[in-house]
Amino acid sequence: MPLRLTPLGLFLGTRHYPCAIGRGGISEDKREGDGATPRSLLSVEATLYRPDRMARPAPWARPIRPGDLWCDAPEDPAYNCPVRAPCPVSHEVMRRADPLYDLVIVLDWNRRPPLPHRGSAIFLHQWRRPHYPTAGCLALPRAELHALAAILRPGTQIRVV
C-alpha cells in the first residue's frame, strides 16, 4: 500500500502521520535550492541510520558512518548521490550533530539518472519541530518516523499530491 502526502500529512491507508514539507511548498517543477517538495510518485530507495544513536530499524537499513555525505552540486558527476569526505564540492553532511538525520529514508527523486538542477537529497527524516519547513524533504515526528521505518521497504511508494 503506498503512502500518500496531502496538505493534511502523510497517509498509509487510513493511518495519518503529521508531516512537514519544504519551505517552497509542493512544486510541479522542482529545482535545486528552491526549498520545494516535488509533486511526484516517489519510491523508498534505502533506509540509513546512526548506529551510535539507535539500533538498526530494519534488516535492510545501512549505517551512516563518519564522513558520509550527499553531493548536491549540480555540475558534479556525483550529483544527488552519496559520497565520502573529503568532498570538494557542495554537499549535505549525513552524520549531523542534531538528530534530524539519525534515521533517513532515502527517496528516489532525481536519482536514476540524476539530472543537473532538478533537485537532490529528498529524504524522509525527523522534523526539527512540529511542521517546521524543510529544504524540500518530508519530515515527521521521531516516533512516527521510527514506526514507518519498521514497515517501509525499498520500493514502497509515496505519492506527493
N, C-alpha and C. Protein backbone atom coordinates (compact mmCIF):
# COMPACT_ATOMS: atom_id res chain seq x y z
N MET A 1 0.85 -1.17 0.00
CA MET A 1 0.00 0.00 0.00
C MET A 1 0.90 1.24 0.00
N PRO A 2 0.70 2.18 -0.95
CA PRO A 2 1.55 3.37 -1.00
C PRO A 2 1.18 4.38 0.08
N LEU A 3 2.19 5.13 0.49
CA LEU A 3 1.96 6.30 1.34
C LEU A 3 1.48 7.43 0.44
N ARG A 4 0.68 8.33 0.99
CA ARG A 4 0.16 9.45 0.22
C ARG A 4 0.35 10.71 1.04
N LEU A 5 0.95 11.75 0.43
CA LEU A 5 1.12 13.04 1.10
C LEU A 5 0.07 14.00 0.56
N THR A 6 -0.72 14.56 1.45
CA THR A 6 -1.71 15.58 1.10
C THR A 6 -1.41 16.80 1.97
N PRO A 7 -2.14 17.91 1.77
CA PRO A 7 -1.92 19.07 2.65
C PRO A 7 -2.12 18.74 4.14
N LEU A 8 -2.77 17.63 4.46
CA LEU A 8 -3.01 17.27 5.85
C LEU A 8 -1.92 16.39 6.44
N GLY A 9 -1.04 15.85 5.62
CA GLY A 9 0.02 15.00 6.14
C GLY A 9 0.21 13.76 5.29
N LEU A 10 0.95 12.80 5.82
CA LEU A 10 1.17 11.52 5.14
C LEU A 10 0.10 10.53 5.57
N PHE A 11 -0.36 9.73 4.62
CA PHE A 11 -1.35 8.70 4.92
C PHE A 11 -0.87 7.36 4.39
N LEU A 12 -1.00 6.33 5.21
CA LEU A 12 -0.78 4.95 4.81
C LEU A 12 -2.11 4.27 5.05
N GLY A 13 -2.85 4.01 3.95
CA GLY A 13 -4.22 3.57 4.11
C GLY A 13 -5.00 4.69 4.79
N THR A 14 -5.61 4.40 5.95
CA THR A 14 -6.33 5.42 6.69
C THR A 14 -5.51 5.99 7.84
N ARG A 15 -4.29 5.49 8.05
CA ARG A 15 -3.43 5.98 9.13
C ARG A 15 -2.78 7.30 8.74
N HIS A 16 -2.94 8.30 9.59
CA HIS A 16 -2.40 9.65 9.34
C HIS A 16 -1.11 9.86 10.11
N TYR A 17 -0.11 10.44 9.43
CA TYR A 17 1.15 10.81 10.05
C TYR A 17 1.34 12.30 9.81
N PRO A 18 1.41 13.14 10.88
CA PRO A 18 1.67 14.56 10.65
C PRO A 18 3.00 14.72 9.93
N CYS A 19 3.10 15.70 9.06
CA CYS A 19 4.27 15.80 8.19
C CYS A 19 4.60 17.26 7.89
N ALA A 20 5.89 17.54 7.78
CA ALA A 20 6.35 18.84 7.31
C ALA A 20 6.90 18.67 5.90
N ILE A 21 6.77 19.73 5.09
CA ILE A 21 7.30 19.71 3.73
C ILE A 21 8.24 20.90 3.55
N GLY A 22 8.74 21.06 2.34
CA GLY A 22 9.68 22.13 2.04
C GLY A 22 9.09 23.51 2.19
N ARG A 23 9.94 24.47 2.54
CA ARG A 23 9.51 25.87 2.73
C ARG A 23 8.94 26.45 1.43
N GLY A 24 9.29 25.86 0.28
CA GLY A 24 8.78 26.31 -1.01
C GLY A 24 7.47 25.65 -1.41
N GLY A 25 6.86 24.89 -0.49
CA GLY A 25 5.62 24.20 -0.79
C GLY A 25 5.85 22.97 -1.66
N ILE A 26 4.82 22.57 -2.36
CA ILE A 26 4.90 21.42 -3.26
C ILE A 26 5.01 21.96 -4.68
N SER A 27 6.00 21.47 -5.42
CA SER A 27 6.30 22.02 -6.73
C SER A 27 6.10 21.01 -7.85
N GLU A 28 5.55 21.50 -8.96
CA GLU A 28 5.45 20.71 -10.19
C GLU A 28 6.78 20.70 -10.94
N ASP A 29 7.64 21.69 -10.64
CA ASP A 29 8.90 21.87 -11.37
C ASP A 29 10.05 22.05 -10.38
N LYS A 30 10.35 21.00 -9.64
CA LYS A 30 11.39 21.03 -8.62
C LYS A 30 12.73 21.44 -9.21
N ARG A 31 13.42 22.38 -8.54
CA ARG A 31 14.74 22.85 -8.96
C ARG A 31 15.65 22.84 -7.74
N GLU A 32 16.94 22.64 -7.97
CA GLU A 32 17.92 22.65 -6.88
C GLU A 32 17.86 23.98 -6.14
N GLY A 33 17.73 23.90 -4.80
CA GLY A 33 17.76 25.08 -3.97
C GLY A 33 16.45 25.83 -3.82
N ASP A 34 15.36 25.35 -4.44
CA ASP A 34 14.09 26.09 -4.36
C ASP A 34 13.34 25.83 -3.05
N GLY A 35 13.79 24.88 -2.25
CA GLY A 35 13.15 24.59 -0.99
C GLY A 35 11.82 23.89 -1.11
N ALA A 36 11.48 23.43 -2.31
CA ALA A 36 10.18 22.80 -2.54
C ALA A 36 10.27 21.27 -2.44
N THR A 37 9.15 20.68 -2.10
CA THR A 37 8.98 19.23 -2.13
C THR A 37 8.37 18.89 -3.48
N PRO A 38 8.97 17.95 -4.21
CA PRO A 38 8.45 17.65 -5.55
C PRO A 38 7.11 16.90 -5.51
N ARG A 39 6.17 17.36 -6.35
CA ARG A 39 4.93 16.62 -6.56
C ARG A 39 5.30 15.44 -7.45
N SER A 40 5.16 14.25 -6.91
CA SER A 40 5.67 13.09 -7.64
C SER A 40 5.23 11.80 -6.96
N LEU A 41 5.41 10.71 -7.66
CA LEU A 41 5.31 9.39 -7.06
C LEU A 41 6.74 8.97 -6.77
N LEU A 42 7.09 8.92 -5.49
CA LEU A 42 8.45 8.61 -5.07
C LEU A 42 8.49 7.19 -4.52
N SER A 43 9.65 6.56 -4.62
CA SER A 43 9.83 5.23 -4.04
C SER A 43 10.90 5.28 -2.98
N VAL A 44 10.72 4.47 -1.95
CA VAL A 44 11.75 4.31 -0.94
C VAL A 44 12.92 3.58 -1.60
N GLU A 45 14.08 4.17 -1.50
CA GLU A 45 15.28 3.57 -2.08
C GLU A 45 16.14 2.88 -1.03
N ALA A 46 16.27 3.51 0.14
CA ALA A 46 17.12 2.96 1.19
C ALA A 46 16.72 3.55 2.54
N THR A 47 17.14 2.89 3.59
CA THR A 47 17.00 3.40 4.94
C THR A 47 18.40 3.48 5.54
N LEU A 48 18.72 4.66 6.08
CA LEU A 48 20.02 4.90 6.69
C LEU A 48 19.80 5.28 8.16
N TYR A 49 20.74 4.91 9.02
CA TYR A 49 20.58 5.21 10.44
C TYR A 49 21.93 5.43 11.12
N ARG A 50 21.90 6.11 12.25
CA ARG A 50 23.09 6.36 13.07
C ARG A 50 23.24 5.23 14.08
N PRO A 51 24.16 4.30 13.87
CA PRO A 51 24.29 3.17 14.80
C PRO A 51 24.80 3.57 16.18
N ASP A 52 25.39 4.75 16.29
CA ASP A 52 25.82 5.23 17.60
C ASP A 52 24.67 5.84 18.40
N ARG A 53 23.52 6.01 17.75
CA ARG A 53 22.37 6.64 18.42
C ARG A 53 21.13 5.76 18.48
N MET A 54 21.10 4.69 17.70
CA MET A 54 19.91 3.84 17.68
C MET A 54 20.24 2.46 17.15
N ALA A 55 19.36 1.52 17.42
CA ALA A 55 19.50 0.17 16.88
C ALA A 55 19.07 0.17 15.41
N ARG A 56 19.52 -0.82 14.67
CA ARG A 56 19.12 -0.96 13.26
C ARG A 56 17.59 -1.03 13.20
N PRO A 57 16.95 -0.12 12.46
CA PRO A 57 15.48 -0.08 12.44
C PRO A 57 14.83 -1.13 11.55
N ALA A 58 15.59 -1.69 10.63
CA ALA A 58 15.07 -2.72 9.71
C ALA A 58 16.27 -3.51 9.20
N PRO A 59 16.07 -4.76 8.81
CA PRO A 59 17.21 -5.58 8.37
C PRO A 59 17.98 -5.01 7.18
N TRP A 60 17.33 -4.24 6.33
CA TRP A 60 17.97 -3.69 5.12
C TRP A 60 18.60 -2.32 5.37
N ALA A 61 18.45 -1.75 6.57
CA ALA A 61 18.98 -0.42 6.87
C ALA A 61 20.51 -0.45 6.90
N ARG A 62 21.09 0.64 6.39
CA ARG A 62 22.55 0.77 6.35
C ARG A 62 23.00 1.87 7.31
N PRO A 63 24.14 1.68 7.95
CA PRO A 63 24.62 2.70 8.89
C PRO A 63 25.13 3.95 8.19
N ILE A 64 24.95 5.08 8.84
CA ILE A 64 25.56 6.35 8.42
C ILE A 64 26.89 6.43 9.17
N ARG A 65 27.97 6.48 8.43
CA ARG A 65 29.30 6.48 9.02
C ARG A 65 29.88 7.90 9.04
N PRO A 66 30.87 8.12 9.91
CA PRO A 66 31.57 9.40 9.84
C PRO A 66 32.13 9.58 8.42
N GLY A 67 31.98 10.76 7.88
CA GLY A 67 32.47 11.04 6.53
C GLY A 67 31.45 10.77 5.43
N ASP A 68 30.26 10.29 5.76
CA ASP A 68 29.22 10.09 4.75
C ASP A 68 28.60 11.45 4.41
N LEU A 69 28.52 11.73 3.13
CA LEU A 69 27.97 12.98 2.60
C LEU A 69 27.00 12.67 1.48
N TRP A 70 26.28 13.70 1.01
CA TRP A 70 25.39 13.57 -0.14
C TRP A 70 25.68 14.76 -1.04
N CYS A 71 26.14 14.52 -2.26
CA CYS A 71 26.53 15.58 -3.18
C CYS A 71 25.30 16.33 -3.69
N ASP A 72 25.31 17.67 -3.54
CA ASP A 72 24.22 18.49 -4.08
C ASP A 72 24.74 19.56 -5.05
N ALA A 73 25.91 19.30 -5.64
CA ALA A 73 26.50 20.20 -6.64
C ALA A 73 26.03 19.77 -8.03
N PRO A 74 25.12 20.53 -8.66
CA PRO A 74 24.50 20.09 -9.92
C PRO A 74 25.47 19.76 -11.05
N GLU A 75 26.62 20.40 -11.10
CA GLU A 75 27.55 20.15 -12.21
C GLU A 75 28.53 19.00 -11.93
N ASP A 76 28.48 18.44 -10.73
CA ASP A 76 29.41 17.36 -10.38
C ASP A 76 28.86 16.01 -10.86
N PRO A 77 29.73 15.11 -11.31
CA PRO A 77 29.27 13.79 -11.74
C PRO A 77 28.59 12.99 -10.63
N ALA A 78 28.86 13.31 -9.36
CA ALA A 78 28.25 12.60 -8.24
C ALA A 78 26.98 13.30 -7.74
N TYR A 79 26.44 14.25 -8.51
CA TYR A 79 25.24 14.99 -8.10
C TYR A 79 24.13 14.04 -7.68
N ASN A 80 23.53 14.35 -6.56
CA ASN A 80 22.42 13.61 -5.96
C ASN A 80 22.78 12.15 -5.66
N CYS A 81 24.01 11.95 -5.24
CA CYS A 81 24.48 10.61 -4.86
C CYS A 81 25.24 10.69 -3.55
N PRO A 82 25.27 9.57 -2.82
CA PRO A 82 26.11 9.55 -1.62
C PRO A 82 27.58 9.61 -2.01
N VAL A 83 28.36 10.34 -1.24
CA VAL A 83 29.81 10.45 -1.45
C VAL A 83 30.48 10.39 -0.08
N ARG A 84 31.80 10.28 -0.10
CA ARG A 84 32.58 10.24 1.13
C ARG A 84 33.44 11.50 1.24
N ALA A 85 33.69 11.90 2.47
CA ALA A 85 34.60 13.03 2.73
C ALA A 85 36.03 12.55 2.47
N PRO A 86 36.89 13.43 2.01
CA PRO A 86 36.62 14.83 1.70
C PRO A 86 35.95 14.97 0.34
N CYS A 87 35.09 15.95 0.25
CA CYS A 87 34.37 16.22 -0.99
C CYS A 87 34.52 17.71 -1.28
N PRO A 88 35.18 18.08 -2.37
CA PRO A 88 35.48 19.49 -2.63
C PRO A 88 34.30 20.32 -3.13
N VAL A 89 33.18 19.68 -3.47
CA VAL A 89 32.03 20.42 -3.99
C VAL A 89 30.91 20.47 -2.94
N SER A 90 29.86 21.20 -3.22
CA SER A 90 28.75 21.35 -2.29
C SER A 90 28.14 19.98 -1.95
N HIS A 91 27.84 19.79 -0.66
CA HIS A 91 27.31 18.51 -0.21
C HIS A 91 26.53 18.69 1.09
N GLU A 92 25.76 17.70 1.40
CA GLU A 92 24.99 17.61 2.65
C GLU A 92 25.74 16.63 3.55
N VAL A 93 25.96 17.01 4.81
CA VAL A 93 26.59 16.11 5.79
C VAL A 93 25.51 15.17 6.32
N MET A 94 25.73 13.88 6.19
CA MET A 94 24.73 12.91 6.63
C MET A 94 24.82 12.61 8.13
N ARG A 95 25.98 12.70 8.70
CA ARG A 95 26.16 12.41 10.13
C ARG A 95 26.17 13.75 10.87
N ARG A 96 24.97 14.24 11.18
CA ARG A 96 24.79 15.57 11.76
C ARG A 96 24.90 15.55 13.28
N ALA A 97 25.20 16.72 13.85
CA ALA A 97 25.25 16.85 15.30
C ALA A 97 23.85 16.79 15.90
N ASP A 98 22.86 17.35 15.19
CA ASP A 98 21.47 17.30 15.68
C ASP A 98 20.85 15.96 15.29
N PRO A 99 19.65 15.66 15.76
CA PRO A 99 19.05 14.34 15.49
C PRO A 99 18.27 14.22 14.18
N LEU A 100 18.26 15.27 13.34
CA LEU A 100 17.40 15.23 12.14
C LEU A 100 17.70 14.05 11.23
N TYR A 101 18.95 13.65 11.11
CA TYR A 101 19.33 12.56 10.22
C TYR A 101 19.75 11.30 10.98
N ASP A 102 19.29 11.14 12.21
CA ASP A 102 19.58 9.88 12.91
C ASP A 102 18.97 8.71 12.16
N LEU A 103 17.85 8.95 11.52
CA LEU A 103 17.16 7.96 10.70
C LEU A 103 16.71 8.67 9.43
N VAL A 104 17.14 8.18 8.28
CA VAL A 104 16.85 8.81 7.00
C VAL A 104 16.32 7.76 6.04
N ILE A 105 15.18 8.05 5.45
CA ILE A 105 14.64 7.19 4.40
C ILE A 105 14.90 7.93 3.09
N VAL A 106 15.76 7.35 2.28
CA VAL A 106 16.15 7.96 1.01
C VAL A 106 15.06 7.69 -0.02
N LEU A 107 14.60 8.76 -0.66
CA LEU A 107 13.58 8.65 -1.71
C LEU A 107 14.25 8.80 -3.07
N ASP A 108 13.64 8.26 -4.09
CA ASP A 108 14.31 8.15 -5.40
C ASP A 108 14.15 9.38 -6.30
N TRP A 109 13.82 10.54 -5.74
CA TRP A 109 13.68 11.73 -6.57
C TRP A 109 14.98 12.03 -7.31
N ASN A 110 14.91 12.13 -8.63
CA ASN A 110 16.01 12.53 -9.49
C ASN A 110 17.28 11.70 -9.26
N ARG A 111 17.10 10.40 -9.14
CA ARG A 111 18.25 9.55 -8.81
C ARG A 111 18.80 8.75 -9.99
N ARG A 112 17.98 8.30 -10.93
CA ARG A 112 18.48 7.39 -11.97
C ARG A 112 17.97 7.78 -13.34
N PRO A 113 18.73 8.52 -14.10
CA PRO A 113 19.97 9.20 -13.71
C PRO A 113 19.63 10.56 -13.11
N PRO A 114 20.52 11.09 -12.27
CA PRO A 114 20.27 12.43 -11.73
C PRO A 114 20.47 13.48 -12.82
N LEU A 115 19.49 14.35 -12.97
CA LEU A 115 19.56 15.43 -13.95
C LEU A 115 19.99 16.70 -13.24
N PRO A 116 21.01 17.40 -13.75
CA PRO A 116 21.51 18.61 -13.08
C PRO A 116 20.38 19.62 -12.82
N HIS A 117 20.39 20.18 -11.63
CA HIS A 117 19.49 21.25 -11.20
C HIS A 117 18.06 20.81 -10.95
N ARG A 118 17.75 19.51 -11.00
CA ARG A 118 16.37 19.05 -10.78
C ARG A 118 16.08 18.74 -9.32
N GLY A 119 17.06 18.96 -8.43
CA GLY A 119 16.85 18.75 -7.01
C GLY A 119 17.56 17.50 -6.51
N SER A 120 18.01 17.60 -5.28
CA SER A 120 18.77 16.49 -4.70
C SER A 120 18.41 16.30 -3.23
N ALA A 121 18.82 15.15 -2.71
CA ALA A 121 18.69 14.83 -1.29
C ALA A 121 17.26 15.00 -0.78
N ILE A 122 16.31 14.39 -1.47
CA ILE A 122 14.93 14.40 -1.00
C ILE A 122 14.76 13.16 -0.11
N PHE A 123 14.68 13.41 1.17
CA PHE A 123 14.62 12.36 2.18
C PHE A 123 13.34 12.45 3.00
N LEU A 124 13.06 11.39 3.70
CA LEU A 124 12.06 11.37 4.77
C LEU A 124 12.89 11.30 6.05
N HIS A 125 12.79 12.31 6.92
CA HIS A 125 13.61 12.37 8.12
C HIS A 125 12.83 13.00 9.27
N GLN A 126 13.47 13.08 10.42
CA GLN A 126 12.83 13.65 11.60
C GLN A 126 12.65 15.15 11.44
N TRP A 127 11.52 15.67 11.94
CA TRP A 127 11.34 17.11 11.85
C TRP A 127 12.05 17.84 12.99
N ARG A 128 12.36 19.11 12.74
CA ARG A 128 13.04 19.96 13.71
C ARG A 128 12.09 20.30 14.87
N ARG A 129 10.88 20.65 14.52
CA ARG A 129 9.79 20.88 15.47
C ARG A 129 8.51 20.79 14.65
N PRO A 130 7.34 20.72 15.31
CA PRO A 130 6.10 20.47 14.57
C PRO A 130 5.90 21.40 13.37
N HIS A 131 5.81 20.77 12.21
CA HIS A 131 5.50 21.41 10.93
C HIS A 131 6.50 22.47 10.49
N TYR A 132 7.68 22.51 11.10
CA TYR A 132 8.73 23.45 10.68
C TYR A 132 9.19 23.03 9.29
N PRO A 133 9.22 23.94 8.32
CA PRO A 133 9.53 23.54 6.95
C PRO A 133 10.95 23.01 6.78
N THR A 134 11.10 22.18 5.77
CA THR A 134 12.38 21.59 5.42
C THR A 134 12.95 22.31 4.20
N ALA A 135 14.06 21.82 3.70
CA ALA A 135 14.65 22.36 2.47
C ALA A 135 14.08 21.65 1.24
N GLY A 136 13.07 20.81 1.42
CA GLY A 136 12.44 20.09 0.32
C GLY A 136 12.08 18.66 0.68
N CYS A 137 12.61 18.20 1.80
CA CYS A 137 12.33 16.84 2.27
C CYS A 137 10.94 16.75 2.89
N LEU A 138 10.56 15.53 3.24
CA LEU A 138 9.39 15.26 4.07
C LEU A 138 9.93 14.99 5.47
N ALA A 139 9.31 15.54 6.50
CA ALA A 139 9.79 15.36 7.86
C ALA A 139 8.64 14.99 8.79
N LEU A 140 8.94 14.08 9.69
CA LEU A 140 7.95 13.54 10.62
C LEU A 140 8.45 13.63 12.05
N PRO A 141 7.51 13.55 13.03
CA PRO A 141 7.94 13.41 14.41
C PRO A 141 8.75 12.11 14.56
N ARG A 142 9.68 12.10 15.49
CA ARG A 142 10.59 10.97 15.66
C ARG A 142 9.85 9.63 15.80
N ALA A 143 8.85 9.57 16.66
CA ALA A 143 8.14 8.31 16.89
C ALA A 143 7.48 7.79 15.61
N GLU A 144 6.85 8.69 14.86
CA GLU A 144 6.18 8.27 13.63
C GLU A 144 7.19 7.84 12.57
N LEU A 145 8.32 8.55 12.49
CA LEU A 145 9.37 8.17 11.55
C LEU A 145 9.89 6.76 11.86
N HIS A 146 10.13 6.48 13.13
CA HIS A 146 10.61 5.16 13.52
C HIS A 146 9.57 4.07 13.24
N ALA A 147 8.30 4.39 13.48
CA ALA A 147 7.24 3.42 13.19
C ALA A 147 7.17 3.12 11.69
N LEU A 148 7.28 4.16 10.87
CA LEU A 148 7.26 3.95 9.42
C LEU A 148 8.49 3.18 8.94
N ALA A 149 9.66 3.51 9.49
CA ALA A 149 10.89 2.83 9.06
C ALA A 149 10.81 1.33 9.30
N ALA A 150 10.06 0.92 10.30
CA ALA A 150 9.93 -0.50 10.59
C ALA A 150 9.07 -1.23 9.56
N ILE A 151 8.21 -0.49 8.84
CA ILE A 151 7.31 -1.16 7.89
C ILE A 151 7.59 -0.81 6.42
N LEU A 152 8.27 0.32 6.17
CA LEU A 152 8.58 0.68 4.79
C LEU A 152 9.72 -0.18 4.28
N ARG A 153 9.60 -0.60 3.05
CA ARG A 153 10.63 -1.41 2.43
C ARG A 153 11.10 -0.73 1.15
N PRO A 154 12.30 -1.04 0.70
CA PRO A 154 12.71 -0.50 -0.60
C PRO A 154 11.63 -0.80 -1.65
N GLY A 155 11.27 0.24 -2.41
CA GLY A 155 10.22 0.10 -3.42
C GLY A 155 8.87 0.60 -2.97
N THR A 156 8.65 0.76 -1.64
CA THR A 156 7.39 1.33 -1.17
C THR A 156 7.22 2.70 -1.79
N GLN A 157 6.03 3.00 -2.26
CA GLN A 157 5.79 4.26 -2.95
C GLN A 157 5.14 5.30 -2.04
N ILE A 158 5.53 6.55 -2.26
CA ILE A 158 4.95 7.70 -1.57
C ILE A 158 4.46 8.65 -2.65
N ARG A 159 3.17 8.91 -2.65
CA ARG A 159 2.59 9.84 -3.64
C ARG A 159 2.47 11.21 -2.99
N VAL A 160 3.16 12.19 -3.57
CA VAL A 160 3.08 13.58 -3.10
C VAL A 160 2.11 14.29 -4.03
N VAL A 161 0.95 14.69 -3.46
CA VAL A 161 -0.11 15.31 -4.26
C VAL A 161 -0.38 16.74 -3.82
